[in-house]
Amino acid sequence: MSIPKLCLRLAVFLCTLTIALFVTRLFLIPPRVEVRVAAPTLPPAPVVKPTPAQVNFKVQQVVLDRAHKKTYVQLIVERNPQAPTPDHLWVALTLYTQNKSDVWFYGWEYVPQPFAQGDRATQTVVFSRSYTYVADNYYAQVSVTTQNGEDDNPLKRFNDSFISTAAPVIVEHEQKR
């Protein structure tokens, strides 16, 4: 074999090898694909129940107005500044005689935005019914809650309310003409 023939075969071999490597890389090895890795998801935030609004109240007076068939409850309400401000209050009134032989539940009255002027407010709640039973002494028990009015279960609302101690009731009789 001659040297030029050997060089020619070596050149053909190297060209074939180069073409084979080029074709192999072009068709068999997939092109680089940019893969975006999503940032790790944070664990879900723990669900924290909102703290219920805390309301303190003191009954100033309860007036039973027989002439106008209304009952007025005047109370001072004060909220905890660290707790959320309640949008509304529900106030219930229960009247009873001294020996608790007769009891009248007046139901719940809605008080919108009780703390619009600040953390302490004086509220007068009007109950539109007045029972005709005449007694010498009445006592009142007032309940206040911030429970939502959409809750149709008055017993649940009553159980979640703050209840006052018994307060004497001022009775205004009808004036005779």
C-alpha atoms as a PDB file:
ATOM      1  CA  MET A   1       0.000   0.000   0.000  1.00  0.00           C
ATOM      2  CA  SER A   2       1.174   3.390  -0.825  1.00  0.00           C
ATOM      3  CA  ILE A   3       1.258   6.294   1.503  1.00  0.00           C
ATOM      4  CA  PRO A   4      -0.983   8.563  -0.542  1.00  0.00           C
ATOM      5  CA  LYS A   5      -3.618   5.831  -0.735  1.00  0.00           C
ATOM      6  CA  LEU A   6      -3.373   5.329   3.026  1.00  0.00           C
ATOM      7  CA  CYS A   7      -3.751   9.067   3.647  1.00  0.00           C
ATOM      8  CA  LEU A   8      -6.783   9.183   1.377  1.00  0.00           C
ATOM      9  CA  ARG A   9      -8.453   6.315   3.259  1.00  0.00           C
ATOM     10  CA  LEU A  10      -7.651   8.023   6.577  1.00  0.00           C
ATOM     11  CA  ALA A  11      -9.170  11.282   5.298  1.00  0.00           C
ATOM     12  CA  VAL A  12     -12.356   9.478   4.137  1.00  0.00           C
ATOM     13  CA  PHE A  13     -12.561   7.715   7.505  1.00  0.00           C
ATOM     14  CA  LEU A  14     -12.193  10.978   9.428  1.00  0.00           C
ATOM     15  CA  CYS A  15     -14.800  12.722   7.240  1.00  0.00           C
ATOM     16  CA  THR A  16     -17.239   9.837   7.726  1.00  0.00           C
ATOM     17  CA  LEU A  17     -16.605   9.873  11.451  1.00  0.00           C
ATOM     18  CA  THR A  18     -17.168  13.652  11.647  1.00  0.00           C
ATOM     19  CA  ILE A  19     -20.410  13.449   9.657  1.00  0.00           C
ATOM     20  CA  ALA A  20     -21.605  10.550  11.817  1.00  0.00           C
ATOM     21  CA  LEU A  21     -20.923  12.458  15.003  1.00  0.00           C
ATOM     22  CA  PHE A  22     -22.642  15.564  13.633  1.00  0.00           C
ATOM     23  CA  VAL A  23     -25.756  13.637  12.531  1.00  0.00           C
ATOM     24  CA  THR A  24     -25.891  11.752  15.815  1.00  0.00           C
ATOM     25  CA  ARG A  25     -25.788  14.945  17.824  1.00  0.00           C
ATOM     26  CA  LEU A  26     -28.321  16.651  15.578  1.00  0.00           C
ATOM     27  CA  PHE A  27     -30.990  13.941  15.540  1.00  0.00           C
ATOM     28  CA  LEU A  28     -30.512  11.638  18.494  1.00  0.00           C
ATOM     29  CA  ILE A  29     -29.659  13.997  21.318  1.00  0.00           C
ATOM     30  CA  PRO A  30     -32.626  16.267  22.018  1.00  0.00           C
ATOM     31  CA  PRO A  31     -31.933  19.962  21.982  1.00  0.00           C
ATOM     32  CA  ARG A  32     -31.610  21.723  25.278  1.00  0.00           C
ATOM     33  CA  VAL A  33     -35.021  22.549  26.635  1.00  0.00           C
ATOM     34  CA  GLU A  34     -35.245  25.219  29.217  1.00  0.00           C
ATOM     35  CA  VAL A  35     -37.217  23.828  32.108  1.00  0.00           C
ATOM     36  CA  ARG A  36     -38.578  26.359  34.527  1.00  0.00           C
ATOM     37  CA  VAL A  37     -38.899  25.034  37.998  1.00  0.00           C
ATOM     38  CA  ALA A  38     -41.707  26.592  39.981  1.00  0.00           C
ATOM     39  CA  ALA A  39     -40.830  28.099  43.288  1.00  0.00           C
ATOM     40  CA  PRO A  40     -41.802  25.847  46.150  1.00  0.00           C
ATOM     41  CA  THR A  41     -45.327  26.593  47.297  1.00  0.00           C
ATOM     42  CA  LEU A  42     -45.728  27.931  50.765  1.00  0.00           C
ATOM     43  CA  PRO A  43     -47.805  25.896  53.152  1.00  0.00           C
ATOM     44  CA  PRO A  44     -51.315  27.270  53.513  1.00  0.00           C
ATOM     45  CA  ALA A  45     -51.693  29.898  56.165  1.00  0.00           C
ATOM     46  CA  PRO A  46     -53.314  28.531  59.284  1.00  0.00           C
ATOM     47  CA  VAL A  47     -56.963  29.432  59.520  1.00  0.00           C
ATOM     48  CA  VAL A  48     -57.388  31.588  62.558  1.00  0.00           C
ATOM     49  CA  LYS A  49     -60.864  32.182  63.848  1.00  0.00           C
ATOM     50  CA  PRO A  50     -61.453  35.877  64.295  1.00  0.00           C
ATOM     51  CA  THR A  51     -61.565  36.825  67.912  1.00  0.00           C
ATOM     52  CA  PRO A  52     -65.076  37.738  68.882  1.00  0.00           C
ATOM     53  CA  ALA A  53     -65.718  41.340  69.666  1.00  0.00           C
ATOM     54  CA  GLN A  54     -65.680  41.875  73.391  1.00  0.00           C
ATOM     55  CA  VAL A  55     -68.295  44.247  74.704  1.00  0.00           C
ATOM     56  CA  ASN A  56     -68.809  45.349  78.279  1.00  0.00           C
ATOM     57  CA  PHE A  57     -72.013  47.086  79.214  1.00  0.00           C
ATOM     58  CA  LYS A  58     -73.781  48.534  82.193  1.00  0.00           C
ATOM     59  CA  VAL A  59     -77.528  49.063  82.405  1.00  0.00           C
ATOM     60  CA  GLN A  60     -78.290  52.660  83.363  1.00  0.00           C
ATOM     61  CA  GLN A  61     -82.060  52.396  83.556  1.00  0.00           C
ATOM     62  CA  VAL A  62     -85.029  50.484  82.235  1.00  0.00           C
ATOM     63  CA  VAL A  63     -88.253  52.455  81.796  1.00  0.00           C
ATOM     64  CA  LEU A  64     -91.605  50.801  81.194  1.00  0.00           C
ATOM     65  CA  ASP A  65     -93.802  53.450  79.533  1.00  0.00           C
ATOM     66  CA  ARG A  66     -97.395  52.264  79.704  1.00  0.00           C
ATOM     67  CA  ALA A  67     -98.783  55.394  78.020  1.00  0.00           C
ATOM     68  CA  HIS A  68     -96.867  54.810  74.801  1.00  0.00           C
ATOM     69  CA  LYS A  69     -96.645  51.013  75.170  1.00  0.00           C
ATOM     70  CA  LYS A  70     -92.871  51.014  74.891  1.00  0.00           C
ATOM     71  CA  THR A  71     -89.980  49.941  77.042  1.00  0.00           C
ATOM     72  CA  TYR A  72     -86.695  51.842  77.003  1.00  0.00           C
ATOM     73  CA  VAL A  73     -83.348  50.375  77.996  1.00  0.00           C
ATOM     74  CA  GLN A  74     -80.496  52.814  78.446  1.00  0.00           C
ATOM     75  CA  LEU A  75     -77.070  51.257  78.710  1.00  0.00           C
ATOM     76  CA  ILE A  76     -73.435  52.214  78.413  1.00  0.00           C
ATOM     77  CA  VAL A  77     -71.485  49.929  76.093  1.00  0.00           C
ATOM     78  CA  GLU A  78     -67.727  49.805  75.961  1.00  0.00           C
ATOM     79  CA  ARG A  79     -65.606  47.716  73.613  1.00  0.00           C
ATOM     80  CA  ASN A  80     -62.151  46.255  74.047  1.00  0.00           C
ATOM     81  CA  PRO A  81     -59.792  48.392  71.900  1.00  0.00           C
ATOM     82  CA  GLN A  82     -57.627  45.352  71.066  1.00  0.00           C
ATOM     83  CA  ALA A  83     -60.606  43.377  69.719  1.00  0.00           C
ATOM     84  CA  PRO A  84     -62.310  44.120  66.403  1.00  0.00           C
ATOM     85  CA  THR A  85     -65.061  46.729  66.425  1.00  0.00           C
ATOM     86  CA  PRO A  86     -68.489  45.113  66.156  1.00  0.00           C
ATOM     87  CA  ASP A  87     -70.694  46.428  63.374  1.00  0.00           C
ATOM     88  CA  HIS A  88     -73.838  45.874  65.399  1.00  0.00           C
ATOM     89  CA  LEU A  89     -75.233  44.687  68.693  1.00  0.00           C
ATOM     90  CA  TRP A  90     -78.299  42.700  69.617  1.00  0.00           C
ATOM     91  CA  VAL A  91     -79.986  43.597  72.894  1.00  0.00           C
ATOM     92  CA  ALA A  92     -82.601  41.437  74.619  1.00  0.00           C
ATOM     93  CA  LEU A  93     -84.764  42.310  77.574  1.00  0.00           C
ATOM     94  CA  THR A  94     -86.408  40.041  80.113  1.00  0.00           C
ATOM     95  CA  LEU A  95     -88.755  41.491  82.736  1.00  0.00           C
ATOM     96  CA  TYR A  96     -89.925  39.602  85.773  1.00  0.00           C
ATOM     97  CA  THR A  97     -91.652  40.230  89.049  1.00  0.00           C
ATOM     98  CA  GLN A  98     -89.921  40.122  92.398  1.00  0.00           C
ATOM     99  CA  ASN A  99     -90.798  36.503  93.112  1.00  0.00           C
ATOM    100  CA  LYS A 100     -90.180  35.528  89.451  1.00  0.00           C
ATOM    101  CA  SER A 101     -93.698  34.171  89.154  1.00  0.00           C
ATOM    102  CA  ASP A 102     -94.230  36.115  85.924  1.00  0.00           C
ATOM    103  CA  VAL A 103     -91.530  36.499  83.270  1.00  0.00           C
ATOM    104  CA  TRP A 104     -91.738  38.395  79.965  1.00  0.00           C
ATOM    105  CA  PHE A 105     -89.109  38.030  77.259  1.00  0.00           C
ATOM    106  CA  TYR A 106     -89.150  41.033  74.932  1.00  0.00           C
ATOM    107  CA  GLY A 107     -86.988  39.543  72.194  1.00  0.00           C
ATOM    108  CA  TRP A 108     -83.919  40.911  70.445  1.00  0.00           C
ATOM    109  CA  GLU A 109     -83.529  44.468  69.159  1.00  0.00           C
ATOM    110  CA  TYR A 110     -80.903  45.396  66.578  1.00  0.00           C
ATOM    111  CA  VAL A 111     -78.473  48.257  67.318  1.00  0.00           C
ATOM    112  CA  PRO A 112     -76.490  49.281  64.196  1.00  0.00           C
ATOM    113  CA  GLN A 113     -72.976  50.745  64.499  1.00  0.00           C
ATOM    114  CA  PRO A 114     -72.919  51.182  68.266  1.00  0.00           C
ATOM    115  CA  PHE A 115     -69.313  52.406  68.306  1.00  0.00           C
ATOM    116  CA  ALA A 116     -69.449  54.962  65.488  1.00  0.00           C
ATOM    117  CA  GLN A 117     -68.339  57.740  67.885  1.00  0.00           C
ATOM    118  CA  GLY A 118     -65.659  55.851  69.812  1.00  0.00           C
ATOM    119  CA  ASP A 119     -64.905  52.925  72.103  1.00  0.00           C
ATOM    120  CA  ARG A 120     -67.579  53.921  74.637  1.00  0.00           C
ATOM    121  CA  ALA A 121     -71.168  54.879  73.866  1.00  0.00           C
ATOM    122  CA  THR A 122     -74.527  55.368  75.530  1.00  0.00           C
ATOM    123  CA  GLN A 123     -77.301  53.517  73.726  1.00  0.00           C
ATOM    124  CA  THR A 124     -81.034  53.719  74.235  1.00  0.00           C
ATOM    125  CA  VAL A 125     -82.831  50.671  72.898  1.00  0.00           C
ATOM    126  CA  VAL A 126     -86.588  50.877  72.374  1.00  0.00           C
ATOM    127  CA  PHE A 127     -88.731  47.773  72.698  1.00  0.00           C
ATOM    128  CA  SER A 128     -92.079  48.378  71.034  1.00  0.00           C
ATOM    129  CA  ARG A 129     -94.241  46.224  73.215  1.00  0.00           C
ATOM    130  CA  SER A 130     -95.413  46.716  76.720  1.00  0.00           C
ATOM    131  CA  TYR A 131     -97.235  44.047  78.637  1.00  0.00           C
ATOM    132  CA  THR A 132    -100.342  45.138  80.470  1.00  0.00           C
ATOM    133  CA  TYR A 133     -99.763  43.134  83.618  1.00  0.00           C
ATOM    134  CA  VAL A 134     -99.603  45.466  86.579  1.00  0.00           C
ATOM    135  CA  ALA A 135     -97.192  44.659  89.367  1.00  0.00           C
ATOM    136  CA  ASP A 136     -95.598  46.701  92.082  1.00  0.00           C
ATOM    137  CA  ASN A 137     -92.006  45.856  91.267  1.00  0.00           C
ATOM    138  CA  TYR A 138     -90.385  44.776  88.052  1.00  0.00           C
ATOM    139  CA  TYR A 139     -86.822  43.702  87.552  1.00  0.00           C
ATOM    140  CA  ALA A 140     -85.021  43.599  84.246  1.00  0.00           C
ATOM    141  CA  GLN A 141     -82.277  41.443  82.917  1.00  0.00           C
ATOM    142  CA  VAL A 142     -80.544  42.738  79.781  1.00  0.00           C
ATOM    143  CA  SER A 143     -78.560  40.578  77.366  1.00  0.00           C
ATOM    144  CA  VAL A 144     -76.115  41.979  74.805  1.00  0.00           C
ATOM    145  CA  THR A 145     -74.398  40.054  72.025  1.00  0.00           C
ATOM    146  CA  THR A 146     -72.477  40.735  68.844  1.00  0.00           C
ATOM    147  CA  GLN A 147     -73.749  37.579  67.132  1.00  0.00           C
ATOM    148  CA  ASN A 148     -74.821  37.990  63.550  1.00  0.00           C
ATOM    149  CA  GLY A 149     -78.507  38.663  63.028  1.00  0.00           C
ATOM    150  CA  GLU A 150     -78.594  36.120  60.187  1.00  0.00           C
ATOM    151  CA  ASP A 151     -78.383  33.419  62.816  1.00  0.00           C
ATOM    152  CA  ASP A 152     -82.037  32.442  63.204  1.00  0.00           C
ATOM    153  CA  ASN A 153     -81.406  30.470  66.371  1.00  0.00           C
ATOM    154  CA  PRO A 154     -82.267  32.875  69.215  1.00  0.00           C
ATOM    155  CA  LEU A 155     -81.256  30.300  71.835  1.00  0.00           C
ATOM    156  CA  LYS A 156     -77.717  30.146  70.399  1.00  0.00           C
ATOM    157  CA  ARG A 157     -77.599  33.937  70.314  1.00  0.00           C
ATOM    158  CA  PHE A 158     -78.782  34.057  73.929  1.00  0.00           C
ATOM    159  CA  ASN A 159     -76.143  31.512  75.012  1.00  0.00           C
ATOM    160  CA  ASP A 160     -73.400  33.583  73.357  1.00  0.00           C
ATOM    161  CA  SER A 161     -74.530  36.843  74.936  1.00  0.00           C
ATOM    162  CA  PHE A 162     -73.329  38.791  77.937  1.00  0.00           C
ATOM    163  CA  ILE A 163     -76.049  39.015  80.583  1.00  0.00           C
ATOM    164  CA  SER A 164     -76.484  41.759  83.141  1.00  0.00           C
ATOM    165  CA  THR A 165     -77.482  41.409  86.735  1.00  0.00           C
ATOM    166  CA  ALA A 166     -81.040  42.266  87.691  1.00  0.00           C
ATOM    167  CA  ALA A 167     -81.901  45.960  87.574  1.00  0.00           C
ATOM    168  CA  PRO A 168     -85.033  47.620  88.943  1.00  0.00           C
ATOM    169  CA  VAL A 169     -87.494  48.970  86.385  1.00  0.00           C
ATOM    170  CA  ILE A 170     -89.015  52.452  86.426  1.00  0.00           C
ATOM    171  CA  VAL A 171     -92.719  52.169  85.633  1.00  0.00           C
ATOM    172  CA  GLU A 172     -94.451  55.175  84.104  1.00  0.00           C
ATOM    173  CA  HIS A 173     -98.223  54.831  84.388  1.00  0.00           C
ATOM    174  CA  GLU A 174    -100.769  56.287  82.040  1.00  0.00           C
ATOM    175  CA  GLN A 175    -101.799  59.813  82.929  1.00  0.00           C
ATOM    176  CA  LYS A 176    -105.455  60.219  83.778  1.00  0.00           C
ATOM    177  CA  ARG A 177    -107.221  63.153  82.178  1.00  0.00           C
END
